Amino acid sequence: MRTRLTSRRRQSGIALITAVLIVALATILATQIGFDSALEQRRSSTVLLLDQAFLVGLGAEAWAASYLKDDLENSEQDHFGERWATPIPPIPIEGGMIEGFIEDMQGRFNLNELVTAEGAVNPEGLREFQNLLSALELESKWAGILADWLDTDTQPSFPDGAEDDLYTSQTPPYRAANGPITSVSELLALPGFDLERYQRLRPYVTALPIGTRINLCTAPGAVIDALSDGTKEFSVDPEGLARQRAERCFPTADDLKAAFGDDSFSRIATRVEEKSSFFRLTALVSIGTTQMSLYSLLQRDTSGAVRPVLRSLGSE
């Protein structure tokens, strides 16, 4: 009798434990399903908002294209006193806002000018970049290293060159570009060229097709002075330069010729102009809790047509 009672109690205990385990497992499963469902819903919502933000960014591209086309029809120069150079103020949109601005990318030194169209090192471009680096208190050796990164041969130049033998020794190993670049961020691929150097140089350089001229109306004083050895005509007073540019192009080609002299100007005459074909739109879109930055490199042809050449999201 006692044996039967003990057996029944044992069975009841096992059943109770089993029931508790089943309830616990069901609770864990239900919680996981609920969490996964909420996470998936949040992901779907974020993707939808990002898609909406991207479409709004494309609308900003259309706005920029309209401004740039109108500018070409009404002006033979591109300078800071024109409508395209005025930032877009924060504009409310459904569920958020958009703001942005247009930059003249030809107002910077084109890193691809370190080489010729044939892929050889360009001595003039190398000289100008060395001058710019020195003006920004950066080591001039980076000009030779970057030139080797861009040229098509595999022989390091003297004394500052670097080719695949250096890059394949890195972790992880990689090879030199051996061709034009599309982003100035490739500077960070040069061993030893750290973020501090990059941040100092970035506002002064761009990556455009070989042969693209510098727009004197929008180039920083350091970029203009780098065109001529030992000249510090336009970089000594940045605030004064900005005041002169508030409503007009300065310096013009005539101003540069007067400052540099006939011989120096004739050396760089084919490198400069007073208008631009390449601009970059930066559009900052906020919808709900989602924020997106769209960077669009725009090219304007002689007819006024504007097309996006390169887009990037989140970083330049």
Protein backbone atom coordinates (compact mmCIF):
# COMPACT_ATOMS: atom_id res chain seq x y z
CA MET A 1 0.00 0.00 0.00
CA ARG A 2 2.78 2.40 0.98
CA THR A 3 4.69 1.48 -2.16
CA ARG A 4 1.72 2.36 -4.34
CA LEU A 5 1.23 5.69 -2.53
CA THR A 6 4.89 6.58 -2.86
CA SER A 7 4.80 5.68 -6.57
CA ARG A 8 1.76 7.88 -7.14
CA ARG A 9 3.39 10.82 -5.35
CA ARG A 10 6.55 10.39 -7.41
CA GLN A 11 4.51 10.37 -10.63
CA SER A 12 2.62 13.49 -9.53
CA GLY A 13 5.93 15.27 -8.81
CA ILE A 14 7.31 14.35 -12.22
CA ALA A 15 4.12 15.56 -13.90
CA LEU A 16 4.30 18.85 -12.00
CA ILE A 17 7.93 19.42 -12.96
CA THR A 18 7.13 18.55 -16.58
CA ALA A 19 4.25 21.02 -16.58
CA VAL A 20 6.48 23.76 -15.14
CA LEU A 21 9.14 23.07 -17.78
CA ILE A 22 6.56 23.17 -20.58
CA VAL A 23 5.19 26.51 -19.29
CA ALA A 24 8.75 27.91 -19.03
CA LEU A 25 9.67 26.77 -22.54
CA ALA A 26 6.41 28.17 -23.92
CA THR A 27 7.10 31.49 -22.20
CA ILE A 28 10.64 31.66 -23.59
CA LEU A 29 9.39 30.77 -27.06
CA ALA A 30 6.60 33.34 -26.93
CA THR A 31 9.02 36.03 -25.71
CA GLN A 32 11.50 35.22 -28.49
CA ILE A 33 8.79 35.27 -31.13
CA GLY A 34 7.53 38.60 -29.82
CA PHE A 35 11.06 40.06 -29.76
CA ASP A 36 11.85 38.82 -33.27
CA SER A 37 8.55 40.19 -34.54
CA ALA A 38 9.16 43.62 -32.98
CA LEU A 39 12.76 43.67 -34.31
CA GLU A 40 11.62 42.72 -37.80
CA GLN A 41 8.95 45.39 -37.69
CA ARG A 42 11.54 47.96 -36.62
CA ARG A 43 13.90 46.86 -39.39
CA SER A 44 11.14 47.09 -41.98
CA SER A 45 10.19 50.53 -40.72
CA THR A 46 13.82 51.71 -40.87
CA VAL A 47 14.29 50.36 -44.41
CA LEU A 48 11.09 52.11 -45.49
CA LEU A 49 12.20 55.40 -43.93
CA LEU A 50 15.64 55.10 -45.55
CA ASP A 51 13.99 54.53 -48.93
CA GLN A 52 11.84 57.60 -48.36
CA ALA A 53 14.88 59.63 -47.30
CA PHE A 54 16.78 58.54 -50.41
CA LEU A 55 13.90 59.64 -52.64
CA VAL A 56 13.85 62.99 -50.88
CA GLY A 57 17.60 63.21 -51.50
CA LEU A 58 17.00 62.61 -55.21
CA GLY A 59 14.56 65.49 -55.08
CA ALA A 60 17.37 67.64 -53.69
CA GLU A 61 19.49 66.54 -56.65
CA ALA A 62 16.78 67.82 -59.00
CA TRP A 63 16.74 71.10 -57.07
CA ALA A 64 20.52 71.44 -57.41
CA ALA A 65 20.38 70.61 -61.13
CA SER A 66 17.77 73.33 -61.65
CA TYR A 67 19.92 75.93 -59.86
CA LEU A 68 23.05 74.96 -61.77
CA LYS A 69 21.27 75.04 -65.13
CA ASP A 70 19.80 78.49 -64.43
CA ASP A 71 23.22 79.70 -63.32
CA LEU A 72 24.86 78.65 -66.59
CA GLU A 73 22.22 80.54 -68.57
CA ASN A 74 22.75 83.75 -66.59
CA SER A 75 26.47 83.83 -65.82
CA GLU A 76 29.79 82.98 -67.44
CA GLN A 77 31.47 82.55 -64.04
CA ASP A 78 30.84 80.41 -60.96
CA HIS A 79 31.49 82.22 -57.68
CA PHE A 80 30.22 82.41 -54.10
CA GLY A 81 27.91 85.34 -54.79
CA GLU A 82 25.62 83.23 -56.94
CA ARG A 83 22.38 81.49 -55.99
CA TRP A 84 23.77 77.93 -56.14
CA ALA A 85 26.27 78.78 -53.37
CA THR A 86 23.47 79.62 -50.89
CA PRO A 87 22.79 76.63 -48.57
CA ILE A 88 19.32 75.10 -48.45
CA PRO A 89 17.81 76.07 -45.08
CA PRO A 90 16.03 73.35 -43.10
CA ILE A 91 12.80 72.64 -45.03
CA PRO A 92 9.99 70.69 -43.31
CA ILE A 93 8.82 67.55 -45.09
CA GLU A 94 6.28 64.95 -43.99
CA GLY A 95 7.66 63.44 -40.80
CA GLY A 96 10.96 65.30 -40.88
CA MET A 97 13.10 67.86 -42.69
CA ILE A 98 15.80 68.30 -45.33
CA GLU A 99 18.73 70.69 -45.63
CA GLY A 100 21.87 70.80 -47.72
CA PHE A 101 24.37 72.77 -49.76
CA ILE A 102 26.31 72.72 -53.05
CA GLU A 103 30.10 72.90 -53.26
CA ASP A 104 32.22 73.69 -56.30
CA MET A 105 34.59 70.73 -56.53
CA GLN A 106 36.76 72.50 -59.11
CA GLY A 107 37.69 74.95 -56.38
CA ARG A 108 40.10 72.30 -55.07
CA PHE A 109 43.34 70.65 -56.18
CA ASN A 110 42.56 67.59 -58.29
CA LEU A 111 44.65 64.69 -56.97
CA ASN A 112 44.44 62.93 -60.34
CA GLU A 113 46.51 65.76 -61.83
CA LEU A 114 49.56 64.08 -60.31
CA VAL A 115 49.58 61.88 -63.43
CA THR A 116 49.03 62.47 -67.13
CA ALA A 117 46.30 60.92 -69.26
CA GLU A 118 48.90 58.34 -70.35
CA GLY A 119 49.54 57.32 -66.73
CA ALA A 120 52.98 58.91 -66.25
CA VAL A 121 53.83 61.23 -63.36
CA ASN A 122 52.93 64.86 -64.16
CA PRO A 123 55.80 67.11 -62.95
CA GLU A 124 53.60 70.22 -62.82
CA GLY A 125 50.90 68.51 -60.80
CA LEU A 126 53.54 67.02 -58.51
CA ARG A 127 55.09 70.46 -57.94
CA GLU A 128 51.73 72.07 -57.17
CA PHE A 129 50.73 69.35 -54.73
CA GLN A 130 54.08 69.59 -52.94
CA ASN A 131 53.50 73.35 -52.58
CA LEU A 132 50.01 72.75 -51.18
CA LEU A 133 51.25 70.18 -48.67
CA SER A 134 53.96 72.55 -47.46
CA ALA A 135 51.43 75.37 -47.10
CA LEU A 136 49.28 73.11 -44.91
CA GLU A 137 52.34 72.04 -42.86
CA LEU A 138 52.22 68.47 -44.14
CA GLU A 139 55.20 66.47 -45.35
CA SER A 140 55.84 67.01 -49.07
CA LYS A 141 56.86 63.33 -49.42
CA TRP A 142 53.18 62.41 -49.74
CA ALA A 143 53.12 63.96 -53.20
CA GLY A 144 55.62 61.41 -54.52
CA ILE A 145 53.96 58.53 -52.70
CA LEU A 146 50.52 59.42 -54.07
CA ALA A 147 51.93 59.92 -57.57
CA ASP A 148 53.25 56.34 -57.48
CA TRP A 149 49.85 55.17 -56.21
CA LEU A 150 48.28 56.71 -59.34
CA ASP A 151 50.80 56.09 -62.12
CA THR A 152 50.61 52.96 -64.24
CA ASP A 153 54.17 51.68 -63.78
CA THR A 154 55.39 49.50 -60.92
CA GLN A 155 58.74 51.20 -60.30
CA PRO A 156 59.01 53.40 -57.19
CA SER A 157 60.05 56.96 -57.99
CA PHE A 158 62.99 58.57 -56.21
CA PRO A 159 63.18 59.60 -53.41
CA ASP A 160 59.64 59.30 -52.02
CA GLY A 161 57.94 56.73 -54.24
CA ALA A 162 56.15 53.57 -53.13
CA GLU A 163 54.77 50.68 -55.15
CA ASP A 164 53.35 47.19 -54.57
CA ASP A 165 56.35 46.01 -52.53
CA LEU A 166 55.26 48.39 -49.75
CA TYR A 167 51.52 47.74 -49.94
CA THR A 168 51.76 43.96 -50.13
CA SER A 169 53.67 44.02 -46.84
CA GLN A 170 50.69 45.59 -45.04
CA THR A 171 48.07 43.69 -43.05
CA PRO A 172 45.96 42.85 -44.94
CA PRO A 173 48.09 43.14 -48.12
CA TYR A 174 46.85 45.14 -51.12
CA ARG A 175 48.18 46.73 -54.29
CA ALA A 176 48.52 50.29 -55.60
CA ALA A 177 45.62 51.72 -57.62
CA ASN A 178 47.80 52.31 -60.73
CA GLY A 179 45.11 54.59 -62.14
CA PRO A 180 42.93 57.63 -61.35
CA ILE A 181 40.96 57.58 -58.10
CA THR A 182 37.30 58.49 -57.54
CA SER A 183 37.50 59.45 -53.86
CA VAL A 184 40.01 61.43 -51.85
CA SER A 185 39.54 58.89 -49.04
CA GLU A 186 42.05 56.70 -50.92
CA LEU A 187 44.67 58.89 -49.28
CA LEU A 188 44.09 56.77 -46.19
CA ALA A 189 45.41 53.76 -48.10
CA LEU A 190 48.90 55.29 -47.99
CA PRO A 191 50.73 53.74 -45.00
CA GLY A 192 51.32 56.41 -42.37
CA PHE A 193 48.83 58.90 -43.80
CA ASP A 194 46.65 59.09 -40.71
CA LEU A 195 43.21 60.58 -40.08
CA GLU A 196 44.64 63.84 -38.71
CA ARG A 197 46.54 64.49 -41.94
CA TYR A 198 43.51 63.49 -43.98
CA GLN A 199 41.19 65.88 -42.13
CA ARG A 200 43.64 68.75 -42.62
CA LEU A 201 44.04 68.13 -46.35
CA ARG A 202 40.49 67.04 -47.27
CA PRO A 203 38.92 70.52 -47.73
CA TYR A 204 41.56 71.42 -50.31
CA VAL A 205 41.54 68.37 -52.61
CA THR A 206 39.19 66.45 -54.85
CA ALA A 207 39.22 63.50 -57.26
CA LEU A 208 38.04 64.51 -60.75
CA PRO A 209 38.91 63.48 -64.32
CA ILE A 210 42.46 64.26 -65.44
CA GLY A 211 42.62 67.64 -67.15
CA THR A 212 39.88 69.30 -65.06
CA ARG A 213 40.83 72.92 -64.40
CA ILE A 214 40.82 74.80 -61.08
CA ASN A 215 38.15 77.47 -60.67
CA LEU A 216 39.94 80.58 -59.40
CA CYS A 217 36.67 82.09 -58.14
CA THR A 218 36.12 79.41 -55.49
CA ALA A 219 39.54 77.87 -54.80
CA PRO A 220 41.01 78.46 -51.31
CA GLY A 221 43.95 80.84 -51.21
CA ALA A 222 46.34 77.98 -50.40
CA VAL A 223 45.32 76.12 -53.57
CA ILE A 224 45.81 79.23 -55.72
CA ASP A 225 49.19 80.07 -54.21
CA ALA A 226 50.33 76.46 -54.69
CA LEU A 227 50.18 77.04 -58.44
CA SER A 228 53.27 79.25 -58.21
CA ASP A 229 56.42 78.44 -56.26
CA GLY A 230 56.95 80.58 -53.17
CA THR A 231 53.81 82.71 -53.64
CA LYS A 232 51.65 83.70 -50.66
CA GLU A 233 49.49 86.32 -52.30
CA PHE A 234 46.03 84.86 -51.62
CA SER A 235 46.46 82.65 -48.54
CA VAL A 236 47.70 85.21 -46.01
CA ASP A 237 44.26 86.76 -45.34
CA PRO A 238 41.43 84.21 -45.74
CA GLU A 239 38.84 86.58 -44.28
CA GLY A 240 39.84 89.35 -46.67
CA LEU A 241 39.65 86.92 -49.58
CA ALA A 242 36.15 85.86 -48.48
CA ARG A 243 34.99 89.49 -48.35
CA GLN A 244 36.19 90.14 -51.89
CA ARG A 245 34.36 87.04 -53.08
CA ALA A 246 31.02 87.91 -51.50
CA GLU A 247 29.53 89.25 -54.71
CA ARG A 248 32.02 88.55 -57.50
CA CYS A 249 34.75 86.30 -58.83
CA PHE A 250 38.14 86.92 -57.26
CA PRO A 251 40.83 86.45 -58.30
CA THR A 252 40.11 86.45 -62.01
CA ALA A 253 42.69 85.25 -64.51
CA ASP A 254 43.80 88.87 -64.95
CA ASP A 255 44.23 89.26 -61.18
CA LEU A 256 46.31 86.10 -61.07
CA LYS A 257 48.46 87.23 -63.96
CA ALA A 258 49.15 90.54 -62.20
CA ALA A 259 50.05 88.75 -58.96
CA PHE A 260 52.20 85.96 -60.40
CA GLY A 261 53.77 87.76 -63.35
CA ASP A 262 53.62 86.89 -67.03
CA ASP A 263 56.11 84.02 -66.95
CA SER A 264 54.58 82.20 -63.98
CA PHE A 265 51.05 82.73 -65.25
CA SER A 266 51.83 81.40 -68.72
CA ARG A 267 53.06 78.23 -67.03
CA ILE A 268 49.67 77.58 -65.41
CA ALA A 269 47.26 79.34 -67.79
CA THR A 270 45.85 76.05 -69.06
CA ARG A 271 45.27 74.83 -65.48
CA VAL A 272 42.82 77.51 -64.38
CA GLU A 273 39.49 79.06 -65.36
CA GLU A 274 36.59 81.03 -63.84
CA LYS A 275 33.79 78.49 -64.15
CA SER A 276 33.09 74.88 -63.20
CA SER A 277 31.51 71.69 -64.46
CA PHE A 278 31.72 69.56 -61.30
CA PHE A 279 29.74 70.29 -58.14
CA ARG A 280 28.87 68.23 -55.08
CA LEU A 281 25.50 68.26 -53.38
CA THR A 282 25.33 67.34 -49.70
CA ALA A 283 21.74 66.56 -48.67
CA LEU A 284 20.91 65.85 -45.02
CA VAL A 285 17.51 64.18 -44.59
CA SER A 286 15.74 63.38 -41.32
CA ILE A 287 12.52 61.37 -41.23
CA GLY A 288 11.29 60.12 -37.87
CA THR A 289 14.28 58.64 -36.07
CA THR A 290 16.13 57.98 -39.33
CA GLN A 291 18.88 60.29 -40.63
CA MET A 292 20.59 60.00 -44.00
CA SER A 293 23.43 61.94 -45.65
CA LEU A 294 23.56 61.85 -49.45
CA TYR A 295 26.66 63.07 -51.30
CA SER A 296 26.16 63.50 -55.05
CA LEU A 297 28.91 64.52 -57.46
CA LEU A 298 27.13 66.38 -60.27
CA GLN A 299 28.51 67.20 -63.70
CA ARG A 300 27.09 70.09 -65.72
CA ASP A 301 27.82 70.12 -69.46
CA THR A 302 27.96 73.12 -71.78
CA SER A 303 24.25 72.81 -72.59
CA GLY A 304 23.29 73.08 -68.91
CA ALA A 305 22.30 69.44 -68.52
CA VAL A 306 23.26 68.09 -65.08
CA ARG A 307 23.79 64.42 -64.29
CA PRO A 308 24.96 62.59 -61.16
CA VAL A 309 28.40 61.05 -61.65
CA LEU A 310 28.87 59.47 -58.23
CA ARG A 311 26.66 59.01 -55.18
CA SER A 312 27.58 57.93 -51.67
CA LEU A 313 25.53 57.52 -48.51
CA GLY A 314 26.72 58.24 -45.01
CA SER A 315 30.24 59.35 -45.87
CA GLU A 316 31.97 61.35 -48.57
